Amino acid sequence: MKRFNGQLALITGAATGIGAACALRFAEEGANIVCVDLKEDENRLTVEACEKFGVKAVSIMGDVTDKTGAAEVTKKVLSQFDRIDILVCSAGLYTGAPLVDVSYEQWKRLLDINLTGTFLYNQAVAPVMMEQKSGSIINISSMAGKTSWPASAEYSASKSGVIGLTRSVAMELAPYGATCNALCPGNTLTAMVKSVAGVVGGRDGMTAQEWLDMRARDCPMQRLAEPWEMAGVVSFLASRDSRYLTGQSLSVDGGMVL
């Protein structure tokens, strides 16, 4: 039985990486999908892949930092589907810049995308779930939200903020039977991580692949994650099996934070 038949999943950052994997997982399990991203061509590819599961899928070109964008997207979704059962906030950025090289503009842009964008979509969708008296919000944080390492000041700060936001949203949704949790992935083989591997590895005289191999060796499970593994946990957090689980930040990192 498909767990999400007839439900609607709204996913930001759906064009690639964990967001795209989540869109495909929910489509596979019967949910209709709305994909929001600035990468229009890649976002449409995600939508086309979702449609192969026989569900409705829509691409919306949207900037999560637009202060009115989340409210506008929410209205569009409600006008077409009349409900939002699942929100996954996956849009994010990581630069790998050392502290002394982070400009104010870079700091602000990264927090605008990773934290403020997540806030805006949580704020826009929460009233829908309150009225429905059901729903699940899953915010994508990071193991960097619980720990840190060099060249991640603005990223760590933003992902720690996502965890704090998640707890607060969970408290406000709880009386209405809706939940909000954060997923904290370890290093996952997305295009963003592979790109950053080249930058960070290059500073240490390594190729991108050598840096990724090093990070895999650092992990107790001796490998990095695949995006679909994150999507599996996200789908659990949106399912009936987790109805009594809220305000949590789940580390899915192969034991790295240990």
Protein backbone atom coordinates (compact mmCIF):
# COMPACT_ATOMS: atom_id res chain seq x y z
CA MET A 1 0.00 0.00 0.00
CA LYS A 2 1.24 3.48 -0.89
CA ARG A 3 1.48 5.53 2.29
CA PHE A 4 0.79 8.96 0.79
CA ASN A 5 -2.02 8.35 -1.72
CA GLY A 6 -3.95 11.57 -2.35
CA GLN A 7 -1.61 13.70 -0.25
CA LEU A 8 0.32 16.75 -1.45
CA ALA A 9 4.04 17.20 -0.83
CA LEU A 10 5.58 20.65 -1.32
CA ILE A 11 9.36 20.53 -1.62
CA THR A 12 11.82 23.41 -1.89
CA GLY A 13 15.22 22.80 -3.44
CA ALA A 14 13.61 19.99 -5.45
CA ALA A 15 15.72 20.31 -8.58
CA THR A 16 18.68 18.30 -7.31
CA GLY A 17 20.17 16.42 -4.38
CA ILE A 18 18.16 15.53 -1.30
CA GLY A 19 15.18 17.64 -2.41
CA ALA A 20 14.91 15.77 -5.72
CA ALA A 21 15.28 12.42 -3.95
CA CYS A 22 12.46 13.36 -1.56
CA ALA A 23 10.20 14.36 -4.45
CA LEU A 24 10.76 10.99 -6.13
CA ARG A 25 10.23 9.05 -2.90
CA PHE A 26 6.91 10.75 -2.15
CA ALA A 27 5.77 10.33 -5.76
CA GLU A 28 6.67 6.65 -5.61
CA GLU A 29 4.47 6.37 -2.52
CA GLY A 30 1.49 8.05 -4.16
CA ALA A 31 1.75 11.73 -3.21
CA ASN A 32 1.18 14.57 -5.66
CA ILE A 33 4.25 16.79 -5.81
CA VAL A 34 5.01 20.50 -6.07
CA CYS A 35 8.69 21.19 -6.76
CA VAL A 36 10.06 24.67 -6.01
CA ASP A 37 13.50 25.72 -7.21
CA LEU A 38 15.34 28.42 -9.15
CA LYS A 39 16.94 25.81 -11.44
CA GLU A 40 14.05 25.65 -13.86
CA ASP A 41 15.34 23.00 -16.27
CA GLU A 42 16.49 20.61 -13.54
CA ASN A 43 13.29 21.20 -11.60
CA ARG A 44 11.25 20.14 -14.63
CA LEU A 45 13.32 16.98 -14.91
CA THR A 46 12.40 16.15 -11.31
CA VAL A 47 8.73 16.76 -12.11
CA GLU A 48 8.91 14.51 -15.19
CA ALA A 49 10.50 11.75 -13.13
CA CYS A 50 7.73 12.08 -10.51
CA GLU A 51 5.00 11.90 -13.15
CA LYS A 52 6.25 8.47 -14.20
CA PHE A 53 4.77 7.17 -10.93
CA GLY A 54 1.31 8.23 -12.10
CA VAL A 55 0.94 11.23 -9.78
CA LYS A 56 0.39 14.91 -10.49
CA ALA A 57 3.58 16.95 -10.31
CA VAL A 58 4.07 20.69 -10.75
CA SER A 59 7.20 22.79 -11.20
CA ILE A 60 7.27 26.29 -9.70
CA MET A 61 10.26 28.54 -10.22
CA GLY A 62 10.74 30.17 -6.85
CA ASP A 63 13.37 31.95 -4.77
CA VAL A 64 13.07 30.92 -1.11
CA THR A 65 14.59 34.25 -0.03
CA ASP A 66 11.71 36.22 -1.56
CA LYS A 67 9.80 37.47 1.48
CA THR A 68 6.43 37.13 -0.27
CA GLY A 69 7.32 34.11 -2.42
CA ALA A 70 6.44 31.40 0.10
CA ALA A 71 2.98 32.87 0.69
CA GLU A 72 2.38 33.14 -3.07
CA VAL A 73 3.50 29.55 -3.69
CA THR A 74 1.27 28.33 -0.85
CA LYS A 75 -1.75 30.09 -2.39
CA LYS A 76 -0.98 28.55 -5.79
CA VAL A 77 -0.74 25.08 -4.32
CA LEU A 78 -4.00 25.45 -2.39
CA SER A 79 -5.82 26.75 -5.47
CA GLN A 80 -4.79 23.63 -7.40
CA PHE A 81 -4.76 20.89 -4.74
CA ASP A 82 -6.76 22.37 -1.84
CA ARG A 83 -4.34 20.93 0.73
CA ILE A 84 -0.69 20.65 1.80
CA ASP A 85 0.13 17.53 3.78
CA ILE A 86 3.92 17.56 3.65
CA LEU A 87 6.45 20.38 3.49
CA VAL A 88 10.12 19.58 2.95
CA CYS A 89 12.46 22.58 3.14
CA SER A 90 15.56 21.37 1.33
CA ALA A 91 16.81 24.50 -0.45
CA GLY A 92 20.31 25.20 0.82
CA LEU A 93 23.81 26.47 0.11
CA TYR A 94 27.27 25.59 1.42
CA THR A 95 30.40 27.50 0.40
CA GLY A 96 33.23 25.96 2.44
CA ALA A 97 34.86 29.36 2.93
CA PRO A 98 37.26 30.02 5.85
CA LEU A 99 35.98 32.41 8.51
CA VAL A 100 38.37 35.23 7.54
CA ASP A 101 37.23 35.05 3.90
CA VAL A 102 33.49 35.23 4.55
CA SER A 103 32.17 38.60 3.45
CA TYR A 104 29.10 40.14 5.02
CA GLU A 105 27.26 39.68 1.73
CA GLN A 106 28.17 35.96 1.66
CA TRP A 107 27.12 35.53 5.30
CA LYS A 108 23.78 37.22 4.63
CA ARG A 109 23.08 35.32 1.40
CA LEU A 110 23.74 31.93 2.96
CA LEU A 111 21.56 32.66 6.01
CA ASP A 112 18.85 34.07 3.77
CA ILE A 113 18.71 30.81 1.80
CA ASN A 114 19.34 28.22 4.52
CA LEU A 115 17.53 29.76 7.48
CA THR A 116 15.27 32.62 6.41
CA GLY A 117 13.97 30.68 3.41
CA THR A 118 13.09 27.77 5.70
CA PHE A 119 11.37 30.16 8.12
CA LEU A 120 9.29 31.76 5.35
CA TYR A 121 7.97 28.41 4.08
CA ASN A 122 7.29 27.12 7.61
CA GLN A 123 5.42 30.33 8.36
CA ALA A 124 3.37 30.16 5.16
CA VAL A 125 2.41 26.48 5.40
CA ALA A 126 1.87 26.14 9.17
CA PRO A 127 -1.60 27.82 9.14
CA VAL A 128 -2.72 25.37 6.43
CA MET A 129 -1.76 22.41 8.59
CA MET A 130 -3.34 24.00 11.65
CA GLU A 131 -6.62 24.33 9.80
CA GLN A 132 -6.39 20.77 8.44
CA LYS A 133 -5.40 19.53 11.89
CA SER A 134 -2.77 17.37 10.22
CA GLY A 135 0.48 17.58 8.33
CA SER A 136 4.24 17.19 8.55
CA ILE A 137 7.02 19.72 8.10
CA ILE A 138 10.53 18.37 7.63
CA ASN A 139 13.34 20.93 7.60
CA ILE A 140 16.70 19.82 6.21
CA SER A 141 19.40 20.86 8.67
CA SER A 142 22.81 19.14 8.78
CA MET A 143 25.21 17.42 11.15
CA ALA A 144 26.86 20.87 10.97
CA GLY A 145 23.89 22.10 12.99
CA LYS A 146 25.06 19.93 15.89
CA THR A 147 28.82 20.11 15.47
CA SER A 148 31.23 22.00 13.25
CA TRP A 149 34.63 22.12 11.55
CA PRO A 150 36.83 24.77 9.92
CA ALA A 151 35.48 26.74 6.96
CA SER A 152 31.83 26.34 7.91
CA ALA A 153 30.99 29.31 10.16
CA GLU A 154 28.00 30.64 8.25
CA TYR A 155 26.79 27.17 7.25
CA SER A 156 26.93 25.82 10.80
CA ALA A 157 25.20 28.92 12.14
CA SER A 158 22.40 28.61 9.61
CA LYS A 159 21.84 24.89 10.18
CA SER A 160 21.87 25.32 13.98
CA GLY A 161 19.22 27.97 13.43
CA VAL A 162 17.11 25.50 11.45
CA ILE A 163 17.12 23.14 14.43
CA GLY A 164 15.98 25.93 16.76
CA LEU A 165 13.29 27.02 14.31
CA THR A 166 12.09 23.42 14.01
CA ARG A 167 11.62 23.08 17.77
CA SER A 168 9.60 26.29 17.95
CA VAL A 169 7.40 25.40 14.97
CA ALA A 170 6.81 21.95 16.47
CA MET A 171 5.54 23.51 19.69
CA GLU A 172 3.07 25.69 17.82
CA LEU A 173 1.82 22.90 15.55
CA ALA A 174 1.49 20.24 18.26
CA PRO A 175 -1.99 21.24 19.55
CA TYR A 176 -3.29 20.87 15.99
CA GLY A 177 -1.99 17.35 15.43
CA ALA A 178 0.72 18.41 12.96
CA THR A 179 4.44 17.77 13.39
CA CYS A 180 7.73 19.47 12.57
CA ASN A 181 11.10 17.72 12.63
CA ALA A 182 14.58 18.36 11.28
CA LEU A 183 16.77 15.96 9.35
CA CYS A 184 20.51 16.34 9.96
CA PRO A 185 22.33 14.59 7.10
CA GLY A 186 25.98 13.69 7.14
CA ASN A 187 28.05 14.10 4.00
CA THR A 188 25.77 13.06 1.17
CA LEU A 189 26.79 12.57 -2.45
CA THR A 190 24.94 15.54 -3.90
CA ALA A 191 26.17 17.95 -6.56
CA MET A 192 26.65 20.60 -3.86
CA VAL A 193 28.87 18.40 -1.69
CA LYS A 194 30.90 17.27 -4.70
CA SER A 195 31.41 20.89 -5.72
CA VAL A 196 32.49 21.95 -2.25
CA ALA A 197 34.83 18.93 -2.12
CA GLY A 198 36.80 20.46 -4.97
CA VAL A 199 37.10 23.81 -3.19
CA VAL A 200 37.92 22.49 0.29
CA GLY A 201 40.08 19.64 -0.98
CA GLY A 202 42.01 22.00 -3.21
CA ARG A 203 43.09 24.10 -0.23
CA ASP A 204 44.62 20.98 1.29
CA GLY A 205 46.26 19.79 -1.92
CA MET A 206 43.65 17.11 -2.64
CA THR A 207 41.35 16.46 -5.55
CA ALA A 208 37.60 16.48 -4.93
CA GLN A 209 37.53 12.68 -5.00
CA GLU A 210 40.46 12.42 -2.56
CA TRP A 211 38.62 14.73 -0.16
CA LEU A 212 35.41 12.70 -0.46
CA ASP A 213 37.38 9.49 0.13
CA MET A 214 38.93 11.03 3.25
CA ARG A 215 35.51 12.00 4.60
CA ALA A 216 34.27 8.47 3.93
CA ARG A 217 37.16 7.05 5.96
CA ASP A 218 36.29 9.44 8.80
CA CYS A 219 32.77 7.98 8.96
CA PRO A 220 32.20 4.92 11.17
CA MET A 221 30.28 3.34 8.28
CA GLN A 222 33.24 4.01 5.97
CA ARG A 223 31.16 5.60 3.22
CA LEU A 224 29.15 8.69 2.36
CA ALA A 225 25.37 8.72 2.05
CA GLU A 226 23.26 8.64 -1.09
CA PRO A 227 20.40 11.18 -1.41
CA TRP A 228 17.78 8.40 -1.51
CA GLU A 229 18.86 7.31 1.98
CA MET A 230 17.93 10.75 3.31
CA ALA A 231 14.62 10.64 1.44
CA GLY A 232 13.74 7.37 3.16
CA VAL A 233 14.02 8.97 6.60
CA VAL A 234 12.12 12.05 5.44
CA SER A 235 9.28 9.82 4.25
CA PHE A 236 9.21 8.15 7.68
CA LEU A 237 8.95 11.57 9.34
CA ALA A 238 5.95 12.36 7.14
CA SER A 239 4.23 9.02 7.71
CA ARG A 240 1.68 7.79 10.26
CA ASP A 241 4.48 5.89 11.99
CA SER A 242 5.91 9.15 13.34
CA ARG A 243 2.70 10.88 14.46
CA TYR A 244 3.98 11.16 18.04
CA LEU A 245 7.47 12.34 17.05
CA THR A 246 7.92 16.10 16.83
CA GLY A 247 10.51 18.80 17.50
CA GLN A 248 13.35 16.35 16.94
CA SER A 249 16.57 16.73 14.96
CA LEU A 250 17.53 13.30 13.60
CA SER A 251 21.18 12.70 12.75
CA VAL A 252 21.43 10.53 9.65
CA ASP A 253 25.17 10.60 9.27
CA GLY A 254 26.56 7.07 9.47
CA GLY A 255 27.68 7.76 13.04
CA MET A 256 29.81 10.84 12.26
CA VAL A 257 28.56 12.97 15.17
CA LEU A 258 29.33 10.08 17.52
